[in-house]
Amino acid sequence: MTDLHPGGQLEHFRLDAGVAVSGMATIFRATGLRVGRTVALEMPHPHMESDPAFSERFQRDAEICRELPH
């Protein structure tokens, strides 16, 4: 995985600032370059990606977030 930091870019997102860091993930405020609006990106830490229970929970959380009105 790329070293993520404010000012960097991940696919079509510009990472603007770090918001929070936990034992499982880092959350960034970012700009969606395709849509031109502010978004939140939650990036799991590399050591968590191999945990099947975490991956399932992370995917479930992402599905819930997609359903929220933004």
N, C-alpha and C. Protein backbone atom coordinates (compact mmCIF):
# COMPACT_ATOMS: atom_id res chain seq x y z
N MET A 1 0.84 -1.17 0.00
CA MET A 1 0.00 0.00 0.00
C MET A 1 0.89 1.24 0.00
N THR A 2 0.41 2.29 -0.60
CA THR A 2 1.11 3.55 -0.65
C THR A 2 1.11 4.21 0.72
N ASP A 3 2.18 4.95 1.01
CA ASP A 3 2.21 5.73 2.25
C ASP A 3 1.24 6.90 2.09
N LEU A 4 0.17 6.88 2.84
CA LEU A 4 -0.87 7.89 2.72
C LEU A 4 -0.59 9.05 3.67
N HIS A 5 -0.70 10.25 3.16
CA HIS A 5 -0.48 11.44 3.97
C HIS A 5 -1.20 12.63 3.34
N PRO A 6 -1.56 13.64 4.16
CA PRO A 6 -2.20 14.83 3.60
C PRO A 6 -1.34 15.42 2.48
N GLY A 7 -2.01 15.81 1.41
CA GLY A 7 -1.33 16.33 0.24
C GLY A 7 -1.12 15.26 -0.82
N GLY A 8 -1.25 13.99 -0.42
CA GLY A 8 -1.10 12.89 -1.37
C GLY A 8 -2.40 12.63 -2.12
N GLN A 9 -2.35 11.67 -3.00
CA GLN A 9 -3.53 11.31 -3.78
C GLN A 9 -3.68 9.80 -3.80
N LEU A 10 -4.92 9.35 -3.71
CA LEU A 10 -5.25 7.94 -3.80
C LEU A 10 -6.36 7.81 -4.82
N GLU A 11 -6.03 7.18 -5.95
CA GLU A 11 -6.95 7.09 -7.08
C GLU A 11 -7.49 8.48 -7.40
N HIS A 12 -8.81 8.67 -7.32
CA HIS A 12 -9.37 9.98 -7.67
C HIS A 12 -9.76 10.80 -6.43
N PHE A 13 -8.96 10.65 -5.37
CA PHE A 13 -9.17 11.41 -4.14
C PHE A 13 -7.87 12.11 -3.75
N ARG A 14 -7.97 13.39 -3.42
CA ARG A 14 -6.83 14.13 -2.87
C ARG A 14 -6.99 14.14 -1.36
N LEU A 15 -5.99 13.69 -0.64
CA LEU A 15 -6.05 13.64 0.81
C LEU A 15 -5.73 15.02 1.36
N ASP A 16 -6.72 15.65 2.02
CA ASP A 16 -6.56 17.02 2.49
C ASP A 16 -6.03 17.10 3.92
N ALA A 17 -6.49 16.22 4.81
CA ALA A 17 -6.06 16.28 6.21
C ALA A 17 -6.40 14.97 6.90
N GLY A 18 -5.59 14.64 7.88
CA GLY A 18 -5.92 13.51 8.73
C GLY A 18 -6.97 13.94 9.72
N VAL A 19 -7.94 13.08 9.98
CA VAL A 19 -9.02 13.39 10.92
C VAL A 19 -8.88 12.59 12.19
N ALA A 20 -8.62 11.29 12.05
CA ALA A 20 -8.53 10.42 13.22
C ALA A 20 -7.70 9.18 12.88
N VAL A 21 -7.07 8.63 13.92
CA VAL A 21 -6.31 7.40 13.78
C VAL A 21 -6.72 6.49 14.93
N SER A 22 -7.04 5.25 14.58
CA SER A 22 -7.36 4.25 15.60
C SER A 22 -6.40 3.08 15.43
N GLY A 23 -6.58 2.05 16.20
CA GLY A 23 -5.77 0.85 16.05
C GLY A 23 -6.07 0.09 14.78
N MET A 24 -7.21 0.40 14.15
CA MET A 24 -7.63 -0.35 12.97
C MET A 24 -7.56 0.43 11.66
N ALA A 25 -7.71 1.76 11.72
CA ALA A 25 -7.80 2.53 10.48
C ALA A 25 -7.43 4.00 10.71
N THR A 26 -7.20 4.69 9.60
CA THR A 26 -6.99 6.13 9.61
C THR A 26 -8.09 6.75 8.77
N ILE A 27 -8.64 7.86 9.25
CA ILE A 27 -9.69 8.57 8.51
C ILE A 27 -9.10 9.89 8.02
N PHE A 28 -9.33 10.16 6.74
CA PHE A 28 -8.88 11.38 6.11
C PHE A 28 -10.06 12.21 5.62
N ARG A 29 -9.92 13.53 5.69
CA ARG A 29 -10.80 14.42 4.93
C ARG A 29 -10.15 14.52 3.56
N ALA A 30 -10.92 14.30 2.52
CA ALA A 30 -10.37 14.27 1.17
C ALA A 30 -11.32 14.99 0.22
N THR A 31 -10.81 15.26 -0.97
CA THR A 31 -11.64 15.84 -2.02
C THR A 31 -11.79 14.81 -3.12
N GLY A 32 -13.04 14.50 -3.46
CA GLY A 32 -13.31 13.62 -4.59
C GLY A 32 -13.09 14.41 -5.86
N LEU A 33 -12.04 14.09 -6.60
CA LEU A 33 -11.68 14.89 -7.77
C LEU A 33 -12.67 14.75 -8.91
N ARG A 34 -13.40 13.67 -8.96
CA ARG A 34 -14.41 13.50 -10.02
C ARG A 34 -15.66 14.31 -9.74
N VAL A 35 -15.99 14.45 -8.45
CA VAL A 35 -17.24 15.14 -8.08
C VAL A 35 -17.00 16.52 -7.48
N GLY A 36 -15.74 16.81 -7.12
CA GLY A 36 -15.40 18.12 -6.60
C GLY A 36 -16.00 18.44 -5.24
N ARG A 37 -16.15 17.43 -4.39
CA ARG A 37 -16.70 17.71 -3.07
C ARG A 37 -15.91 16.97 -1.99
N THR A 38 -16.07 17.43 -0.77
CA THR A 38 -15.36 16.87 0.36
C THR A 38 -15.98 15.53 0.75
N VAL A 39 -15.11 14.57 1.03
CA VAL A 39 -15.54 13.23 1.43
C VAL A 39 -14.68 12.79 2.61
N ALA A 40 -15.10 11.74 3.27
CA ALA A 40 -14.29 11.08 4.30
C ALA A 40 -13.81 9.75 3.74
N LEU A 41 -12.53 9.48 3.91
CA LEU A 41 -11.96 8.20 3.48
C LEU A 41 -11.41 7.48 4.71
N GLU A 42 -11.88 6.27 4.93
CA GLU A 42 -11.37 5.46 6.01
C GLU A 42 -10.48 4.38 5.40
N MET A 43 -9.22 4.40 5.78
CA MET A 43 -8.25 3.47 5.23
C MET A 43 -7.79 2.51 6.32
N PRO A 44 -8.05 1.20 6.15
CA PRO A 44 -7.60 0.25 7.16
C PRO A 44 -6.07 0.18 7.20
N HIS A 45 -5.53 -0.05 8.38
CA HIS A 45 -4.09 -0.24 8.51
C HIS A 45 -3.72 -1.58 7.87
N PRO A 46 -2.54 -1.66 7.27
CA PRO A 46 -2.15 -2.88 6.55
C PRO A 46 -2.27 -4.15 7.39
N HIS A 47 -1.94 -4.10 8.67
CA HIS A 47 -1.99 -5.32 9.48
C HIS A 47 -3.43 -5.79 9.72
N MET A 48 -4.42 -4.94 9.49
CA MET A 48 -5.82 -5.33 9.67
C MET A 48 -6.42 -5.96 8.42
N GLU A 49 -5.84 -5.68 7.27
CA GLU A 49 -6.42 -6.15 6.01
C GLU A 49 -6.46 -7.68 5.90
N SER A 50 -5.58 -8.36 6.62
CA SER A 50 -5.55 -9.82 6.53
C SER A 50 -6.50 -10.50 7.52
N ASP A 51 -7.18 -9.72 8.34
CA ASP A 51 -8.12 -10.26 9.33
C ASP A 51 -9.50 -10.39 8.68
N PRO A 52 -9.98 -11.62 8.44
CA PRO A 52 -11.27 -11.81 7.75
C PRO A 52 -12.44 -11.15 8.48
N ALA A 53 -12.47 -11.20 9.80
CA ALA A 53 -13.58 -10.59 10.54
C ALA A 53 -13.57 -9.07 10.36
N PHE A 54 -12.37 -8.47 10.39
CA PHE A 54 -12.28 -7.02 10.18
C PHE A 54 -12.70 -6.66 8.76
N SER A 55 -12.23 -7.43 7.79
CA SER A 55 -12.59 -7.14 6.39
C SER A 55 -14.09 -7.20 6.18
N GLU A 56 -14.74 -8.19 6.77
CA GLU A 56 -16.20 -8.31 6.65
C GLU A 56 -16.90 -7.11 7.30
N ARG A 57 -16.46 -6.73 8.47
CA ARG A 57 -17.05 -5.58 9.17
C ARG A 57 -16.82 -4.28 8.39
N PHE A 58 -15.61 -4.12 7.86
CA PHE A 58 -15.28 -2.93 7.09
C PHE A 58 -16.17 -2.82 5.86
N GLN A 59 -16.38 -3.92 5.15
CA GLN A 59 -17.25 -3.94 3.98
C GLN A 59 -18.69 -3.63 4.35
N ARG A 60 -19.17 -4.18 5.46
CA ARG A 60 -20.53 -3.92 5.93
C ARG A 60 -20.70 -2.44 6.26
N ASP A 61 -19.71 -1.86 6.94
CA ASP A 61 -19.76 -0.43 7.26
C ASP A 61 -19.80 0.42 5.99
N ALA A 62 -19.01 0.03 4.98
CA ALA A 62 -18.99 0.77 3.72
C ALA A 62 -20.37 0.72 3.04
N GLU A 63 -21.01 -0.44 3.07
CA GLU A 63 -22.35 -0.56 2.48
C GLU A 63 -23.35 0.33 3.19
N ILE A 64 -23.28 0.38 4.51
CA ILE A 64 -24.18 1.24 5.29
C ILE A 64 -23.94 2.70 4.93
N CYS A 65 -22.68 3.10 4.83
CA CYS A 65 -22.36 4.49 4.50
C CYS A 65 -22.87 4.89 3.11
N ARG A 66 -22.82 3.95 2.17
CA ARG A 66 -23.32 4.26 0.81
C ARG A 66 -24.82 4.52 0.82
N GLU A 67 -25.53 3.98 1.79
CA GLU A 67 -26.98 4.15 1.87
C GLU A 67 -27.39 5.47 2.54
N LEU A 68 -26.46 6.11 3.24
CA LEU A 68 -26.78 7.36 3.93
C LEU A 68 -26.97 8.50 2.94
N PRO A 69 -27.93 9.39 3.20
CA PRO A 69 -28.07 10.56 2.34
C PRO A 69 -26.91 11.53 2.62
N HIS A 70 -26.28 11.97 1.56
CA HIS A 70 -25.13 12.86 1.73
C HIS A 70 -25.45 14.24 1.19
